[in-house]
PDB file of N, CA and C in Angstrom:
ATOM      1  N   MET A   1      34.794   9.901 -14.402  1.00  0.00           N
ATOM      2  CA  MET A   1      33.725   9.475 -15.297  1.00  0.00           C
ATOM      3  C   MET A   1      32.360  10.026 -14.963  1.00  0.00           C
ATOM      4  N   LEU A   2      32.088   9.998 -13.638  1.00  0.00           N
ATOM      5  CA  LEU A   2      30.841  10.617 -13.263  1.00  0.00           C
ATOM      6  C   LEU A   2      30.774  12.069 -13.560  1.00  0.00           C
ATOM      7  N   HIS A   3      31.930  12.793 -13.389  1.00  0.00           N
ATOM      8  CA  HIS A   3      32.034  14.173 -13.622  1.00  0.00           C
ATOM      9  C   HIS A   3      31.574  14.408 -15.147  1.00  0.00           C
ATOM     10  N   TYR A   4      32.111  13.690 -16.067  1.00  0.00           N
ATOM     11  CA  TYR A   4      31.831  13.824 -17.529  1.00  0.00           C
ATOM     12  C   TYR A   4      30.341  13.700 -17.694  1.00  0.00           C
ATOM     13  N   ALA A   5      29.714  12.618 -17.038  1.00  0.00           N
ATOM     14  CA  ALA A   5      28.231  12.329 -17.241  1.00  0.00           C
ATOM     15  C   ALA A   5      27.462  13.688 -16.802  1.00  0.00           C
ATOM     16  N   VAL A   6      27.913  14.192 -15.627  1.00  0.00           N
ATOM     17  CA  VAL A   6      27.101  15.313 -15.115  1.00  0.00           C
ATOM     18  C   VAL A   6      27.321  16.570 -16.018  1.00  0.00           C
ATOM     19  N   VAL A   7      28.512  16.678 -16.558  1.00  0.00           N
ATOM     20  CA  VAL A   7      28.722  17.804 -17.467  1.00  0.00           C
ATOM     21  C   VAL A   7      27.936  17.697 -18.705  1.00  0.00           C
ATOM     22  N   PHE A   8      27.753  16.523 -19.297  1.00  0.00           N
ATOM     23  CA  PHE A   8      27.043  16.348 -20.548  1.00  0.00           C
ATOM     24  C   PHE A   8      25.564  16.535 -20.232  1.00  0.00           C
ATOM     25  N   PHE A   9      25.096  16.061 -18.940  1.00  0.00           N
ATOM     26  CA  PHE A   9      23.694  16.282 -18.546  1.00  0.00           C
ATOM     27  C   PHE A   9      23.436  17.787 -18.454  1.00  0.00           C
ATOM     28  N   VAL A  10      24.345  18.556 -17.866  1.00  0.00           N
ATOM     29  CA  VAL A  10      24.013  19.972 -17.814  1.00  0.00           C
ATOM     30  C   VAL A  10      24.016  20.657 -19.114  1.00  0.00           C
ATOM     31  N   ILE A  11      24.895  20.213 -20.023  1.00  0.00           N
ATOM     32  CA  ILE A  11      24.867  20.654 -21.459  1.00  0.00           C
ATOM     33  C   ILE A  11      23.591  20.455 -22.116  1.00  0.00           C
ATOM     34  N   ALA A  12      23.025  19.168 -21.878  1.00  0.00           N
ATOM     35  CA  ALA A  12      21.758  18.842 -22.393  1.00  0.00           C
ATOM     36  C   ALA A  12      20.591  19.575 -21.866  1.00  0.00           C
ATOM     37  N   LEU A  13      20.650  20.031 -20.585  1.00  0.00           N
ATOM     38  CA  LEU A  13      19.639  20.825 -20.072  1.00  0.00           C
ATOM     39  C   LEU A  13      19.633  22.277 -20.544  1.00  0.00           C
ATOM     40  N   VAL A  14      20.747  22.831 -20.729  1.00  0.00           N
ATOM     41  CA  VAL A  14      20.999  24.127 -21.274  1.00  0.00           C
ATOM     42  C   VAL A  14      20.622  24.135 -22.638  1.00  0.00           C
ATOM     43  N   ALA A  15      20.925  23.117 -23.493  1.00  0.00           N
ATOM     44  CA  ALA A  15      20.451  23.227 -24.892  1.00  0.00           C
ATOM     45  C   ALA A  15      19.006  22.909 -25.001  1.00  0.00           C
ATOM     46  N   ALA A  16      18.378  22.175 -24.133  1.00  0.00           N
ATOM     47  CA  ALA A  16      16.963  22.000 -24.141  1.00  0.00           C
ATOM     48  C   ALA A  16      16.164  23.278 -23.867  1.00  0.00           C
ATOM     49  N   VAL A  17      16.771  24.004 -22.839  1.00  0.00           N
ATOM     50  CA  VAL A  17      16.103  25.308 -22.437  1.00  0.00           C
ATOM     51  C   VAL A  17      16.179  26.286 -23.558  1.00  0.00           C
ATOM     52  N   LEU A  18      17.416  26.224 -24.365  1.00  0.00           N
ATOM     53  CA  LEU A  18      17.500  27.208 -25.473  1.00  0.00           C
ATOM     54  C   LEU A  18      16.924  26.798 -26.770  1.00  0.00           C
ATOM     55  N   GLY A  19      16.334  25.596 -26.780  1.00  0.00           N
ATOM     56  CA  GLY A  19      15.652  25.113 -27.908  1.00  0.00           C
ATOM     57  C   GLY A  19      16.472  24.396 -28.954  1.00  0.00           C
ATOM     58  N   PHE A  20      17.633  23.933 -28.569  1.00  0.00           N
ATOM     59  CA  PHE A  20      18.473  23.113 -29.486  1.00  0.00           C
ATOM     60  C   PHE A  20      18.262  21.649 -29.219  1.00  0.00           C
ATOM     61  N   SER A  21      17.161  21.102 -29.773  1.00  0.00           N
ATOM     62  CA  SER A  21      16.773  19.801 -29.471  1.00  0.00           C
ATOM     63  C   SER A  21      17.775  18.721 -29.984  1.00  0.00           C
ATOM     64  N   GLY A  22      18.310  18.904 -31.097  1.00  0.00           N
ATOM     65  CA  GLY A  22      19.354  17.840 -31.586  1.00  0.00           C
ATOM     66  C   GLY A  22      20.523  17.781 -30.630  1.00  0.00           C
ATOM     67  N   ILE A  23      21.100  18.989 -30.253  1.00  0.00           N
ATOM     68  CA  ILE A  23      22.265  18.928 -29.368  1.00  0.00           C
ATOM     69  C   ILE A  23      21.796  18.496 -28.019  1.00  0.00           C
ATOM     70  N   ALA A  24      20.628  18.766 -27.532  1.00  0.00           N
ATOM     71  CA  ALA A  24      20.143  18.264 -26.265  1.00  0.00           C
ATOM     72  C   ALA A  24      20.011  16.734 -26.246  1.00  0.00           C
ATOM     73  N   GLY A  25      19.425  16.133 -27.207  1.00  0.00           N
ATOM     74  CA  GLY A  25      19.343  14.664 -27.329  1.00  0.00           C
ATOM     75  C   GLY A  25      20.633  14.038 -27.424  1.00  0.00           C
ATOM     76  N   ALA A  26      21.540  14.582 -28.182  1.00  0.00           N
ATOM     77  CA  ALA A  26      22.896  13.909 -28.287  1.00  0.00           C
ATOM     78  C   ALA A  26      23.612  13.965 -27.010  1.00  0.00           C
ATOM     79  N   ALA A  27      23.604  15.148 -26.289  1.00  0.00           N
ATOM     80  CA  ALA A  27      24.247  15.230 -25.080  1.00  0.00           C
ATOM     81  C   ALA A  27      23.666  14.433 -23.980  1.00  0.00           C
ATOM     82  N   SER A  28      22.309  14.373 -23.948  1.00  0.00           N
ATOM     83  CA  SER A  28      21.763  13.360 -22.983  1.00  0.00           C
ATOM     84  C   SER A  28      22.006  11.895 -23.186  1.00  0.00           C
ATOM     85  N   ASN A  29      22.198  11.478 -24.420  1.00  0.00           N
ATOM     86  CA  ASN A  29      22.580  10.103 -24.742  1.00  0.00           C
ATOM     87  C   ASN A  29      23.980   9.888 -24.278  1.00  0.00           C
ATOM     88  N   ILE A  30      24.866  10.806 -24.570  1.00  0.00           N
ATOM     89  CA  ILE A  30      26.220  10.720 -24.099  1.00  0.00           C
ATOM     90  C   ILE A  30      26.321  10.685 -22.635  1.00  0.00           C
ATOM     91  N   ALA A  31      25.503  11.475 -21.993  1.00  0.00           N
ATOM     92  CA  ALA A  31      25.579  11.462 -20.433  1.00  0.00           C
ATOM     93  C   ALA A  31      25.074  10.104 -20.038  1.00  0.00           C
ATOM     94  N   TRP A  32      24.070   9.634 -20.579  1.00  0.00           N
ATOM     95  CA  TRP A  32      23.492   8.315 -20.086  1.00  0.00           C
ATOM     96  C   TRP A  32      24.523   7.114 -20.218  1.00  0.00           C
ATOM     97  N   ILE A  33      25.160   7.094 -21.413  1.00  0.00           N
ATOM     98  CA  ILE A  33      26.242   6.063 -21.718  1.00  0.00           C
ATOM     99  C   ILE A  33      27.382   6.266 -20.701  1.00  0.00           C
ATOM    100  N   LEU A  34      27.784   7.449 -20.375  1.00  0.00           N
ATOM    101  CA  LEU A  34      28.967   7.663 -19.475  1.00  0.00           C
ATOM    102  C   LEU A  34      28.419   7.223 -18.070  1.00  0.00           C
ATOM    103  N   PHE A  35      27.294   7.504 -17.687  1.00  0.00           N
ATOM    104  CA  PHE A  35      26.753   7.015 -16.409  1.00  0.00           C
ATOM    105  C   PHE A  35      26.702   5.563 -16.271  1.00  0.00           C
ATOM    106  N   LEU A  36      26.330   4.952 -17.326  1.00  0.00           N
ATOM    107  CA  LEU A  36      26.232   3.441 -17.278  1.00  0.00           C
ATOM    108  C   LEU A  36      27.575   2.839 -17.160  1.00  0.00           C
ATOM    109  N   VAL A  37      28.610   3.445 -17.912  1.00  0.00           N
ATOM    110  CA  VAL A  37      30.030   2.934 -17.753  1.00  0.00           C
ATOM    111  C   VAL A  37      30.471   3.179 -16.374  1.00  0.00           C
ATOM    112  N   PHE A  38      30.162   4.365 -15.736  1.00  0.00           N
ATOM    113  CA  PHE A  38      30.674   4.617 -14.470  1.00  0.00           C
ATOM    114  C   PHE A  38      30.014   3.524 -13.412  1.00  0.00           C
ATOM    115  N   LEU A  39      28.730   3.259 -13.601  1.00  0.00           N
ATOM    116  CA  LEU A  39      28.121   2.223 -12.727  1.00  0.00           C
ATOM    117  C   LEU A  39      28.823   0.847 -12.867  1.00  0.00           C
ATOM    118  N   VAL A  40      29.101   0.421 -14.102  1.00  0.00           N
ATOM    119  CA  VAL A  40      29.720  -0.846 -14.400  1.00  0.00           C
ATOM    120  C   VAL A  40      31.064  -0.910 -13.796  1.00  0.00           C
ATOM    121  N   LEU A  41      31.957   0.145 -13.986  1.00  0.00           N
ATOM    122  CA  LEU A  41      33.234   0.189 -13.368  1.00  0.00           C
ATOM    123  C   LEU A  41      33.188   0.299 -11.881  1.00  0.00           C
ATOM    124  N   GLY A  42      32.247   0.943 -11.249  1.00  0.00           N
ATOM    125  CA  GLY A  42      32.120   1.041  -9.950  1.00  0.00           C
ATOM    126  C   GLY A  42      31.763  -0.364  -9.301  1.00  0.00           C
ATOM    127  N   VAL A  43      30.867  -1.090  -9.916  1.00  0.00           N
ATOM    128  CA  VAL A  43      30.498  -2.500  -9.406  1.00  0.00           C
ATOM    129  C   VAL A  43      31.680  -3.318  -9.574  1.00  0.00           C
ATOM    130  N   ILE A  44      32.459  -3.206 -10.676  1.00  0.00           N
ATOM    131  CA  ILE A  44      33.626  -4.131 -10.763  1.00  0.00           C
ATOM    132  C   ILE A  44      34.748  -3.793  -9.845  1.00  0.00           C
ATOM    133  N   SER A  45      34.876  -2.556  -9.538  1.00  0.00           N
ATOM    134  CA  SER A  45      35.843  -2.217  -8.521  1.00  0.00           C
ATOM    135  C   SER A  45      35.447  -2.669  -7.062  1.00  0.00           C
ATOM    136  N   LEU A  46      34.225  -2.596  -6.737  1.00  0.00           N
ATOM    137  CA  LEU A  46      33.681  -3.028  -5.495  1.00  0.00           C
ATOM    138  C   LEU A  46      33.898  -4.510  -5.342  1.00  0.00           C
ATOM    139  N   LEU A  47      33.575  -5.240  -6.402  1.00  0.00           N
ATOM    140  CA  LEU A  47      33.735  -6.766  -6.392  1.00  0.00           C
ATOM    141  C   LEU A  47      35.181  -7.133  -6.292  1.00  0.00           C
ATOM    142  N   ARG A  48      36.027  -6.447  -6.954  1.00  0.00           N
ATOM    143  CA  ARG A  48      37.582  -6.767  -6.950  1.00  0.00           C
ATOM    144  C   ARG A  48      38.085  -6.457  -5.532  1.00  0.00           C
ATOM    145  N   GLY A  49      37.586  -5.445  -4.869  1.00  0.00           N
ATOM    146  CA  GLY A  49      38.052  -5.031  -3.670  1.00  0.00           C
ATOM    147  C   GLY A  49      37.791  -5.957  -2.453  1.00  0.00           C
ATOM    148  N   ARG A  50      36.700  -6.706  -2.752  1.00  0.00           N
ATOM    149  CA  ARG A  50      36.278  -7.717  -1.698  1.00  0.00           C
ATOM    150  C   ARG A  50      37.042  -9.032  -1.800  1.00  0.00           C
ATOM    151  N   ARG A  51      37.805  -9.332  -2.796  1.00  0.00           N
ATOM    152  CA  ARG A  51      38.456 -10.508  -2.908  1.00  0.00           C
ATOM    153  C   ARG A  51      39.824 -10.566  -2.310  1.00  0.00           C
ATOM    154  N   VAL A  52      40.167  -9.661  -1.543  1.00  0.00           N
ATOM    155  CA  VAL A  52      41.492  -9.593  -0.883  1.00  0.00           C
ATOM    156  C   VAL A  52      41.794 -10.776  -0.079  1.00  0.00           C
TER     157      VAL A  52
END
């Protein structure tokens, strides 16, 4: 999940440098959502692992 967030962030950076503002905005939003999902799933897995 974090890998996909980083990939979309790089796509957003490249699109921003090339001047494609619409694509850069969309890719950065997707990267942000994937990063938040990664954080939530990471916290849930840490909490579940401590209940053994």
